[in-house]
Amino acid sequence: PSTEFYDSSHFKAVGKPESFDVGLRVWALGEAGAEAQYR
C-alpha cells in the first residue's frame, strides 16, 4: 500500500501481456533506512 514513505506506479500496457508493463517503486526512508532497503 502507499504510505508516507513508499509509493508506486504501474504502467500496464493495454491489451498486452505483462512483458509489456513497466513498474516503478520509490522509498523515502532517510539515509539509514534507505541503505537498509537497498541492501
PDB file of all heavy atoms in Angstrom:
ATOM      1  N   PRO A   1       0.827  -1.204   0.000  1.00  0.00           N
ATOM      2  CA  PRO A   1       0.000   0.000   0.000  1.00  0.00           C
ATOM      3  C   PRO A   1       0.863   1.258   0.000  1.00  0.00           C
ATOM      4  O   PRO A   1       2.001   1.246   0.477  1.00  0.00           O
ATOM      5  CB  PRO A   1      -0.777  -0.124   1.321  1.00  0.00           C
ATOM      6  CG  PRO A   1       0.132  -0.905   2.207  1.00  0.00           C
ATOM      7  CD  PRO A   1       0.840  -1.885   1.315  1.00  0.00           C
ATOM      8  N   SER A   2       0.343   2.337  -0.542  1.00  0.00           N
ATOM      9  CA  SER A   2       1.049   3.621  -0.495  1.00  0.00           C
ATOM     10  C   SER A   2       1.058   4.138   0.933  1.00  0.00           C
ATOM     11  O   SER A   2       0.057   4.057   1.648  1.00  0.00           O
ATOM     12  CB  SER A   2       0.367   4.639  -1.420  1.00  0.00           C
ATOM     13  OG  SER A   2       0.424   4.213  -2.763  1.00  0.00           O
ATOM     14  N   THR A   3       2.209   4.657   1.354  1.00  0.00           N
ATOM     15  CA  THR A   3       2.350   5.221   2.694  1.00  0.00           C
ATOM     16  C   THR A   3       3.089   6.548   2.585  1.00  0.00           C
ATOM     17  O   THR A   3       3.408   7.005   1.474  1.00  0.00           O
ATOM     18  CB  THR A   3       3.140   4.284   3.623  1.00  0.00           C
ATOM     19  OG1 THR A   3       4.506   4.234   3.185  1.00  0.00           O
ATOM     20  CG2 THR A   3       2.562   2.878   3.628  1.00  0.00           C
ATOM     21  N   GLU A   4       3.398   7.139   3.736  1.00  0.00           N
ATOM     22  CA  GLU A   4       4.148   8.388   3.737  1.00  0.00           C
ATOM     23  C   GLU A   4       5.585   8.190   3.282  1.00  0.00           C
ATOM     24  O   GLU A   4       6.275   9.158   2.961  1.00  0.00           O
ATOM     25  CB  GLU A   4       4.112   9.037   5.123  1.00  0.00           C
ATOM     26  CG  GLU A   4       4.807   8.262   6.217  1.00  0.00           C
ATOM     27  CD  GLU A   4       3.886   7.252   6.895  1.00  0.00           C
ATOM     28  OE1 GLU A   4       2.896   6.827   6.280  1.00  0.00           O
ATOM     29  OE2 GLU A   4       4.176   6.904   8.055  1.00  0.00           O
ATOM     30  N   PHE A   5       6.073   6.944   3.238  1.00  0.00           N
ATOM     31  CA  PHE A   5       7.452   6.700   2.820  1.00  0.00           C
ATOM     32  C   PHE A   5       7.569   5.746   1.633  1.00  0.00           C
ATOM     33  O   PHE A   5       8.674   5.387   1.242  1.00  0.00           O
ATOM     34  CB  PHE A   5       8.291   6.152   3.990  1.00  0.00           C
ATOM     35  CG  PHE A   5       7.620   5.045   4.760  1.00  0.00           C
ATOM     36  CD1 PHE A   5       7.586   3.766   4.274  1.00  0.00           C
ATOM     37  CD2 PHE A   5       7.011   5.305   5.972  1.00  0.00           C
ATOM     38  CE1 PHE A   5       6.962   2.747   4.972  1.00  0.00           C
ATOM     39  CE2 PHE A   5       6.389   4.295   6.684  1.00  0.00           C
ATOM     40  CZ  PHE A   5       6.363   3.021   6.182  1.00  0.00           C
ATOM     41  N   TYR A   6       6.442   5.333   1.040  1.00  0.00           N
ATOM     42  CA  TYR A   6       6.502   4.430  -0.113  1.00  0.00           C
ATOM     43  C   TYR A   6       5.357   4.727  -1.078  1.00  0.00           C
ATOM     44  O   TYR A   6       4.229   5.014  -0.664  1.00  0.00           O
ATOM     45  CB  TYR A   6       6.394   2.964   0.330  1.00  0.00           C
ATOM     46  CG  TYR A   6       6.178   2.007  -0.831  1.00  0.00           C
ATOM     47  CD1 TYR A   6       7.245   1.570  -1.597  1.00  0.00           C
ATOM     48  CD2 TYR A   6       4.898   1.585  -1.191  1.00  0.00           C
ATOM     49  CE1 TYR A   6       7.061   0.722  -2.672  1.00  0.00           C
ATOM     50  CE2 TYR A   6       4.695   0.742  -2.270  1.00  0.00           C
ATOM     51  CZ  TYR A   6       5.790   0.311  -3.006  1.00  0.00           C
ATOM     52  OH  TYR A   6       5.584  -0.508  -4.084  1.00  0.00           O
ATOM     53  N   ASP A   7       5.669   4.641  -2.390  1.00  0.00           N
ATOM     54  CA  ASP A   7       4.616   4.724  -3.399  1.00  0.00           C
ATOM     55  C   ASP A   7       5.095   4.002  -4.649  1.00  0.00           C
ATOM     56  O   ASP A   7       6.276   3.648  -4.791  1.00  0.00           O
ATOM     57  CB  ASP A   7       4.266   6.180  -3.718  1.00  0.00           C
ATOM     58  CG  ASP A   7       2.934   6.286  -4.477  1.00  0.00           C
ATOM     59  OD1 ASP A   7       2.075   5.406  -4.290  1.00  0.00           O
ATOM     60  OD2 ASP A   7       2.747   7.240  -5.254  1.00  0.00           O
ATOM     61  N   SER A   8       4.160   3.788  -5.571  1.00  0.00           N
ATOM     62  CA  SER A   8       4.482   3.049  -6.790  1.00  0.00           C
ATOM     63  C   SER A   8       3.657   3.565  -7.954  1.00  0.00           C
ATOM     64  O   SER A   8       2.635   4.239  -7.770  1.00  0.00           O
ATOM     65  CB  SER A   8       4.202   1.555  -6.594  1.00  0.00           C
ATOM     66  OG  SER A   8       2.806   1.330  -6.387  1.00  0.00           O
ATOM     67  N   SER A   9       4.108   3.229  -9.152  1.00  0.00           N
ATOM     68  CA  SER A   9       3.355   3.482 -10.377  1.00  0.00           C
ATOM     69  C   SER A   9       3.425   2.231 -11.246  1.00  0.00           C
ATOM     70  O   SER A   9       4.485   1.591 -11.330  1.00  0.00           O
ATOM     71  CB  SER A   9       3.931   4.670 -11.158  1.00  0.00           C
ATOM     72  OG  SER A   9       3.732   5.880 -10.467  1.00  0.00           O
ATOM     73  N   HIS A  10       2.299   1.891 -11.861  1.00  0.00           N
ATOM     74  CA  HIS A  10       2.226   0.715 -12.717  1.00  0.00           C
ATOM     75  C   HIS A  10       1.720   1.151 -14.084  1.00  0.00           C
ATOM     76  O   HIS A  10       0.589   1.639 -14.213  1.00  0.00           O
ATOM     77  CB  HIS A  10       1.284  -0.323 -12.108  1.00  0.00           C
ATOM     78  CG  HIS A  10       1.196  -1.600 -12.897  1.00  0.00           C
ATOM     79  ND1 HIS A  10       0.195  -2.525 -12.719  1.00  0.00           N
ATOM     80  CD2 HIS A  10       1.999  -2.107 -13.876  1.00  0.00           C
ATOM     81  CE1 HIS A  10       0.383  -3.532 -13.542  1.00  0.00           C
ATOM     82  NE2 HIS A  10       1.461  -3.300 -14.256  1.00  0.00           N
ATOM     83  N   PHE A  11       2.566   1.009 -15.089  1.00  0.00           N
ATOM     84  CA  PHE A  11       2.191   1.329 -16.472  1.00  0.00           C
ATOM     85  C   PHE A  11       1.831   0.011 -17.148  1.00  0.00           C
ATOM     86  O   PHE A  11       2.705  -0.728 -17.631  1.00  0.00           O
ATOM     87  CB  PHE A  11       3.346   2.026 -17.191  1.00  0.00           C
ATOM     88  CG  PHE A  11       3.754   3.327 -16.557  1.00  0.00           C
ATOM     89  CD1 PHE A  11       4.669   3.350 -15.515  1.00  0.00           C
ATOM     90  CD2 PHE A  11       3.207   4.529 -16.977  1.00  0.00           C
ATOM     91  CE1 PHE A  11       5.048   4.538 -14.921  1.00  0.00           C
ATOM     92  CE2 PHE A  11       3.571   5.727 -16.382  1.00  0.00           C
ATOM     93  CZ  PHE A  11       4.495   5.737 -15.348  1.00  0.00           C
ATOM     94  N   LYS A  12       0.546  -0.292 -17.150  1.00  0.00           N
ATOM     95  CA  LYS A  12       0.053  -1.554 -17.703  1.00  0.00           C
ATOM     96  C   LYS A  12      -0.328  -1.346 -19.163  1.00  0.00           C
ATOM     97  O   LYS A  12      -1.242  -0.564 -19.472  1.00  0.00           O
ATOM     98  CB  LYS A  12      -1.143  -2.055 -16.904  1.00  0.00           C
ATOM     99  CG  LYS A  12      -1.706  -3.374 -17.407  1.00  0.00           C
ATOM    100  CD  LYS A  12      -2.799  -3.889 -16.499  1.00  0.00           C
ATOM    101  CE  LYS A  12      -3.403  -5.177 -17.037  1.00  0.00           C
ATOM    102  NZ  LYS A  12      -2.390  -6.232 -17.219  1.00  0.00           N
ATOM    103  N   ALA A  13       0.377  -2.024 -20.066  1.00  0.00           N
ATOM    104  CA  ALA A  13       0.106  -1.881 -21.491  1.00  0.00           C
ATOM    105  C   ALA A  13      -1.254  -2.486 -21.828  1.00  0.00           C
ATOM    106  O   ALA A  13      -1.513  -3.656 -21.528  1.00  0.00           O
ATOM    107  CB  ALA A  13       1.203  -2.558 -22.303  1.00  0.00           C
ATOM    108  N   VAL A  14      -2.119  -1.678 -22.428  1.00  0.00           N
ATOM    109  CA  VAL A  14      -3.486  -2.104 -22.728  1.00  0.00           C
ATOM    110  C   VAL A  14      -3.470  -3.207 -23.786  1.00  0.00           C
ATOM    111  O   VAL A  14      -2.872  -3.056 -24.857  1.00  0.00           O
ATOM    112  CB  VAL A  14      -4.341  -0.909 -23.208  1.00  0.00           C
ATOM    113  CG1 VAL A  14      -5.748  -1.374 -23.608  1.00  0.00           C
ATOM    114  CG2 VAL A  14      -4.420   0.149 -22.128  1.00  0.00           C
ATOM    115  N   GLY A  15      -4.122  -4.330 -23.453  1.00  0.00           N
ATOM    116  CA  GLY A  15      -4.249  -5.418 -24.407  1.00  0.00           C
ATOM    117  C   GLY A  15      -2.986  -6.223 -24.638  1.00  0.00           C
ATOM    118  O   GLY A  15      -2.914  -7.016 -25.585  1.00  0.00           O
ATOM    119  N   LYS A  16      -1.989  -6.059 -23.770  1.00  0.00           N
ATOM    120  CA  LYS A  16      -0.723  -6.760 -23.928  1.00  0.00           C
ATOM    121  C   LYS A  16      -0.413  -7.589 -22.681  1.00  0.00           C
ATOM    122  O   LYS A  16      -0.923  -7.305 -21.600  1.00  0.00           O
ATOM    123  CB  LYS A  16       0.421  -5.757 -24.171  1.00  0.00           C
ATOM    124  CG  LYS A  16       0.302  -4.981 -25.477  1.00  0.00           C
ATOM    125  CD  LYS A  16       0.576  -5.880 -26.669  1.00  0.00           C
ATOM    126  CE  LYS A  16       0.596  -5.088 -27.970  1.00  0.00           C
ATOM    127  NZ  LYS A  16       0.893  -5.944 -29.141  1.00  0.00           N
ATOM    128  N   PRO A  17       0.448  -8.586 -22.800  1.00  0.00           N
ATOM    129  CA  PRO A  17       0.835  -9.370 -21.618  1.00  0.00           C
ATOM    130  C   PRO A  17       1.740  -8.561 -20.682  1.00  0.00           C
ATOM    131  O   PRO A  17       2.165  -7.449 -21.015  1.00  0.00           O
ATOM    132  CB  PRO A  17       1.585 -10.563 -22.219  1.00  0.00           C
ATOM    133  CG  PRO A  17       2.073 -10.080 -23.544  1.00  0.00           C
ATOM    134  CD  PRO A  17       1.031  -9.123 -24.050  1.00  0.00           C
ATOM    135  N   GLU A  18       2.053  -9.136 -19.541  1.00  0.00           N
ATOM    136  CA  GLU A  18       2.844  -8.442 -18.518  1.00  0.00           C
ATOM    137  C   GLU A  18       4.241  -8.077 -18.999  1.00  0.00           C
ATOM    138  O   GLU A  18       4.870  -7.176 -18.444  1.00  0.00           O
ATOM    139  CB  GLU A  18       2.949  -9.301 -17.259  1.00  0.00           C
ATOM    140  CG  GLU A  18       1.648  -9.423 -16.495  1.00  0.00           C
ATOM    141  CD  GLU A  18       1.811 -10.239 -15.224  1.00  0.00           C
ATOM    142  OE1 GLU A  18       2.905 -10.799 -15.006  1.00  0.00           O
ATOM    143  OE2 GLU A  18       0.843 -10.306 -14.450  1.00  0.00           O
ATOM    144  N   SER A  19       4.727  -8.755 -20.012  1.00  0.00           N
ATOM    145  CA  SER A  19       6.068  -8.454 -20.520  1.00  0.00           C
ATOM    146  C   SER A  19       6.148  -7.078 -21.172  1.00  0.00           C
ATOM    147  O   SER A  19       7.237  -6.626 -21.529  1.00  0.00           O
ATOM    148  CB  SER A  19       6.515  -9.525 -21.522  1.00  0.00           C
ATOM    149  OG  SER A  19       5.621  -9.586 -22.621  1.00  0.00           O
ATOM    150  N   PHE A  20       5.005  -6.396 -21.309  1.00  0.00           N
ATOM    151  CA  PHE A  20       4.981  -5.038 -21.854  1.00  0.00           C
ATOM    152  C   PHE A  20       4.776  -3.986 -20.752  1.00  0.00           C
ATOM    153  O   PHE A  20       4.670  -2.810 -21.042  1.00  0.00           O
ATOM    154  CB  PHE A  20       3.874  -4.889 -22.909  1.00  0.00           C
ATOM    155  CG  PHE A  20       4.217  -5.513 -24.240  1.00  0.00           C
ATOM    156  CD1 PHE A  20       4.105  -6.876 -24.429  1.00  0.00           C
ATOM    157  CD2 PHE A  20       4.658  -4.735 -25.297  1.00  0.00           C
ATOM    158  CE1 PHE A  20       4.429  -7.460 -25.646  1.00  0.00           C
ATOM    159  CE2 PHE A  20       4.972  -5.301 -26.523  1.00  0.00           C
ATOM    160  CZ  PHE A  20       4.859  -6.674 -26.701  1.00  0.00           C
ATOM    161  N   ASP A  21       4.717  -4.418 -19.505  1.00  0.00           N
ATOM    162  CA  ASP A  21       4.440  -3.492 -18.400  1.00  0.00           C
ATOM    163  C   ASP A  21       5.717  -2.878 -17.843  1.00  0.00           C
ATOM    164  O   ASP A  21       6.810  -3.453 -17.950  1.00  0.00           O
ATOM    165  CB  ASP A  21       3.715  -4.225 -17.263  1.00  0.00           C
ATOM    166  CG  ASP A  21       2.294  -4.623 -17.634  1.00  0.00           C
ATOM    167  OD1 ASP A  21       1.871  -4.331 -18.766  1.00  0.00           O
ATOM    168  OD2 ASP A  21       1.625  -5.248 -16.794  1.00  0.00           O
ATOM    169  N   VAL A  22       5.541  -1.706 -17.224  1.00  0.00           N
ATOM    170  CA  VAL A  22       6.630  -1.019 -16.521  1.00  0.00           C
ATOM    171  C   VAL A  22       6.160  -0.740 -15.097  1.00  0.00           C
ATOM    172  O   VAL A  22       5.027  -0.307 -14.885  1.00  0.00           O
ATOM    173  CB  VAL A  22       7.015   0.302 -17.220  1.00  0.00           C
ATOM    174  CG1 VAL A  22       8.064   1.069 -16.403  1.00  0.00           C
ATOM    175  CG2 VAL A  22       7.528   0.041 -18.629  1.00  0.00           C
ATOM    176  N   GLY A  23       7.013  -1.016 -14.121  1.00  0.00           N
ATOM    177  CA  GLY A  23       6.688  -0.749 -12.724  1.00  0.00           C
ATOM    178  C   GLY A  23       7.736   0.140 -12.083  1.00  0.00           C
ATOM    179  O   GLY A  23       8.929   0.029 -12.375  1.00  0.00           O
ATOM    180  N   LEU A  24       7.284   1.023 -11.218  1.00  0.00           N
ATOM    181  CA  LEU A  24       8.177   1.941 -10.500  1.00  0.00           C
ATOM    182  C   LEU A  24       7.829   1.899  -9.024  1.00  0.00           C
ATOM    183  O   LEU A  24       6.658   1.996  -8.646  1.00  0.00           O
ATOM    184  CB  LEU A  24       8.012   3.370 -11.040  1.00  0.00           C
ATOM    185  CG  LEU A  24       8.531   4.517 -10.173  1.00  0.00           C
ATOM    186  CD1 LEU A  24      10.047   4.446 -10.014  1.00  0.00           C
ATOM    187  CD2 LEU A  24       8.119   5.863 -10.756  1.00  0.00           C
ATOM    188  N   ARG A  25       8.843   1.753  -8.181  1.00  0.00           N
ATOM    189  CA  ARG A  25       8.677   1.811  -6.732  1.00  0.00           C
ATOM    190  C   ARG A  25       9.665   2.818  -6.181  1.00  0.00           C
ATOM    191  O   ARG A  25      10.826   2.839  -6.613  1.00  0.00           O
ATOM    192  CB  ARG A  25       8.912   0.439  -6.089  1.00  0.00           C
ATOM    193  CG  ARG A  25       7.917  -0.634  -6.500  1.00  0.00           C
ATOM    194  CD  ARG A  25       8.355  -1.995  -5.981  1.00  0.00           C
ATOM    195  NE  ARG A  25       7.343  -3.022  -6.201  1.00  0.00           N
ATOM    196  CZ  ARG A  25       7.207  -3.718  -7.324  1.00  0.00           C
ATOM    197  NH1 ARG A  25       8.026  -3.485  -8.335  1.00  0.00           N
ATOM    198  NH2 ARG A  25       6.266  -4.633  -7.451  1.00  0.00           N
ATOM    199  N   VAL A  26       9.241   3.612  -5.200  1.00  0.00           N
ATOM    200  CA  VAL A  26      10.138   4.588  -4.584  1.00  0.00           C
ATOM    201  C   VAL A  26       9.923   4.586  -3.074  1.00  0.00           C
ATOM    202  O   VAL A  26       8.786   4.533  -2.600  1.00  0.00           O
ATOM    203  CB  VAL A  26       9.938   6.002  -5.177  1.00  0.00           C
ATOM    204  CG1 VAL A  26       8.499   6.481  -5.020  1.00  0.00           C
ATOM    205  CG2 VAL A  26      10.902   7.002  -4.551  1.00  0.00           C
ATOM    206  N   TRP A  27      11.033   4.596  -2.334  1.00  0.00           N
ATOM    207  CA  TRP A  27      11.010   4.654  -0.871  1.00  0.00           C
ATOM    208  C   TRP A  27      11.752   5.910  -0.423  1.00  0.00           C
ATOM    209  O   TRP A  27      12.871   6.180  -0.905  1.00  0.00           O
ATOM    210  CB  TRP A  27      11.714   3.445  -0.255  1.00  0.00           C
ATOM    211  CG  TRP A  27      11.068   2.121  -0.463  1.00  0.00           C
ATOM    212  CD1 TRP A  27      10.216   1.463   0.381  1.00  0.00           C
ATOM    213  CD2 TRP A  27      11.239   1.230  -1.577  1.00  0.00           C
ATOM    214  NE1 TRP A  27       9.850   0.245  -0.130  1.00  0.00           N
ATOM    215  CE2 TRP A  27      10.456   0.063  -1.328  1.00  0.00           C
ATOM    216  CE3 TRP A  27      11.985   1.301  -2.763  1.00  0.00           C
ATOM    217  CZ2 TRP A  27      10.409  -0.999  -2.221  1.00  0.00           C
ATOM    218  CZ3 TRP A  27      11.922   0.255  -3.652  1.00  0.00           C
ATOM    219  CH2 TRP A  27      11.142  -0.890  -3.385  1.00  0.00           C
ATOM    220  N   ALA A  28      11.182   6.674   0.490  1.00  0.00           N
ATOM    221  CA  ALA A  28      11.843   7.822   1.116  1.00  0.00           C
ATOM    222  C   ALA A  28      11.973   7.503   2.596  1.00  0.00           C
ATOM    223  O   ALA A  28      11.027   7.678   3.363  1.00  0.00           O
ATOM    224  CB  ALA A  28      11.028   9.093   0.894  1.00  0.00           C
ATOM    225  N   LEU A  29      13.157   7.035   3.007  1.00  0.00           N
ATOM    226  CA  LEU A  29      13.317   6.422   4.322  1.00  0.00           C
ATOM    227  C   LEU A  29      14.368   7.086   5.200  1.00  0.00           C
ATOM    228  O   LEU A  29      14.605   6.628   6.312  1.00  0.00           O
ATOM    229  CB  LEU A  29      13.697   4.946   4.139  1.00  0.00           C
ATOM    230  CG  LEU A  29      12.703   4.075   3.372  1.00  0.00           C
ATOM    231  CD1 LEU A  29      13.325   2.724   3.051  1.00  0.00           C
ATOM    232  CD2 LEU A  29      11.422   3.891   4.169  1.00  0.00           C
ATOM    233  N   GLY A  30      14.979   8.155   4.723  1.00  0.00           N
ATOM    234  CA  GLY A  30      16.121   8.678   5.454  1.00  0.00           C
ATOM    235  C   GLY A  30      17.363   7.872   5.102  1.00  0.00           C
ATOM    236  O   GLY A  30      17.272   6.769   4.544  1.00  0.00           O
ATOM    237  N   GLU A  31      18.539   8.406   5.438  1.00  0.00           N
ATOM    238  CA  GLU A  31      19.782   7.790   4.972  1.00  0.00           C
ATOM    239  C   GLU A  31      19.941   6.351   5.446  1.00  0.00           C
ATOM    240  O   GLU A  31      20.219   5.450   4.652  1.00  0.00           O
ATOM    241  CB  GLU A  31      20.972   8.634   5.435  1.00  0.00           C
ATOM    242  CG  GLU A  31      22.293   8.186   4.835  1.00  0.00           C
ATOM    243  CD  GLU A  31      23.410   9.167   5.081  1.00  0.00           C
ATOM    244  OE1 GLU A  31      23.114  10.360   5.309  1.00  0.00           O
ATOM    245  OE2 GLU A  31      24.589   8.748   5.056  1.00  0.00           O
ATOM    246  N   ALA A  32      19.771   6.099   6.747  1.00  0.00           N
ATOM    247  CA  ALA A  32      19.976   4.749   7.274  1.00  0.00           C
ATOM    248  C   ALA A  32      18.927   3.775   6.748  1.00  0.00           C
ATOM    249  O   ALA A  32      19.239   2.637   6.366  1.00  0.00           O
ATOM    250  CB  ALA A  32      19.954   4.767   8.796  1.00  0.00           C
ATOM    251  N   GLY A  33      17.659   4.220   6.721  1.00  0.00           N
ATOM    252  CA  GLY A  33      16.595   3.355   6.233  1.00  0.00           C
ATOM    253  C   GLY A  33      16.749   3.019   4.765  1.00  0.00           C
ATOM    254  O   GLY A  33      16.469   1.892   4.332  1.00  0.00           O
ATOM    255  N   ALA A  34      17.199   4.010   3.977  1.00  0.00           N
ATOM    256  CA  ALA A  34      17.389   3.769   2.549  1.00  0.00           C
ATOM    257  C   ALA A  34      18.516   2.767   2.314  1.00  0.00           C
ATOM    258  O   ALA A  34      18.419   1.906   1.438  1.00  0.00           O
ATOM    259  CB  ALA A  34      17.680   5.088   1.833  1.00  0.00           C
ATOM    260  N   GLU A  35      19.590   2.882   3.090  1.00  0.00           N
ATOM    261  CA  GLU A  35      20.688   1.909   2.983  1.00  0.00           C
ATOM    262  C   GLU A  35      20.172   0.497   3.253  1.00  0.00           C
ATOM    263  O   GLU A  35      20.508  -0.454   2.541  1.00  0.00           O
ATOM    264  CB  GLU A  35      21.796   2.261   3.981  1.00  0.00           C
ATOM    265  CG  GLU A  35      22.608   3.494   3.610  1.00  0.00           C
ATOM    266  CD  GLU A  35      23.767   3.178   2.681  1.00  0.00           C
ATOM    267  OE1 GLU A  35      23.849   2.032   2.193  1.00  0.00           O
ATOM    268  OE2 GLU A  35      24.576   4.080   2.442  1.00  0.00           O
ATOM    269  N   ALA A  36      19.355   0.358   4.290  1.00  0.00           N
ATOM    270  CA  ALA A  36      18.826  -0.958   4.646  1.00  0.00           C
ATOM    271  C   ALA A  36      17.910  -1.497   3.549  1.00  0.00           C
ATOM    272  O   ALA A  36      17.952  -2.684   3.213  1.00  0.00           O
ATOM    273  CB  ALA A  36      18.082  -0.875   5.975  1.00  0.00           C
ATOM    274  N   GLN A  37      17.053  -0.633   2.984  1.00  0.00           N
ATOM    275  CA  GLN A  37      16.149  -1.063   1.926  1.00  0.00           C
ATOM    276  C   GLN A  37      16.922  -1.478   0.679  1.00  0.00           C
ATOM    277  O   GLN A  37      16.595  -2.480   0.029  1.00  0.00           O
ATOM    278  CB  GLN A  37      15.159   0.054   1.583  1.00  0.00           C
ATOM    279  CG  GLN A  37      14.199  -0.262   0.441  1.00  0.00           C
ATOM    280  CD  GLN A  37      13.295  -1.444   0.737  1.00  0.00           C
ATOM    281  OE1 GLN A  37      12.915  -1.662   1.884  1.00  0.00           O
ATOM    282  NE2 GLN A  37      12.950  -2.191  -0.286  1.00  0.00           N
ATOM    283  N   TYR A  38      17.966  -0.719   0.352  1.00  0.00           N
ATOM    284  CA  TYR A  38      18.767  -1.063  -0.820  1.00  0.00           C
ATOM    285  C   TYR A  38      19.452  -2.420  -0.628  1.00  0.00           C
ATOM    286  O   TYR A  38      19.468  -3.257  -1.534  1.00  0.00           O
ATOM    287  CB  TYR A  38      19.808   0.021  -1.090  1.00  0.00           C
ATOM    288  CG  TYR A  38      20.702  -0.287  -2.269  1.00  0.00           C
ATOM    289  CD1 TYR A  38      20.231  -0.168  -3.573  1.00  0.00           C
ATOM    290  CD2 TYR A  38      22.006  -0.732  -2.078  1.00  0.00           C
ATOM    291  CE1 TYR A  38      21.035  -0.472  -4.660  1.00  0.00           C
ATOM    292  CE2 TYR A  38      22.821  -1.043  -3.152  1.00  0.00           C
ATOM    293  CZ  TYR A  38      22.328  -0.908  -4.439  1.00  0.00           C
ATOM    294  OH  TYR A  38      23.123  -1.232  -5.511  1.00  0.00           O
ATOM    295  N   ARG A  39      19.998  -2.662   0.572  1.00  0.00           N
ATOM    296  CA  ARG A  39      20.622  -3.956   0.847  1.00  0.00           C
ATOM    297  C   ARG A  39      19.601  -5.089   0.762  1.00  0.00           C
ATOM    298  O   ARG A  39      19.921  -6.199   0.314  1.00  0.00           O
ATOM    299  CB  ARG A  39      21.288  -3.940   2.221  1.00  0.00           C
ATOM    300  CG  ARG A  39      22.553  -3.094   2.295  1.00  0.00           C
ATOM    301  CD  ARG A  39      23.361  -3.411   3.547  1.00  0.00           C
ATOM    302  NE  ARG A  39      22.612  -3.129   4.757  1.00  0.00           N
ATOM    303  CZ  ARG A  39      22.621  -1.962   5.378  1.00  0.00           C
ATOM    304  NH1 ARG A  39      23.344  -0.959   4.898  1.00  0.00           N
ATOM    305  NH2 ARG A  39      21.932  -1.774   6.490  1.00  0.00           N
TER     306      ARG A  39
END
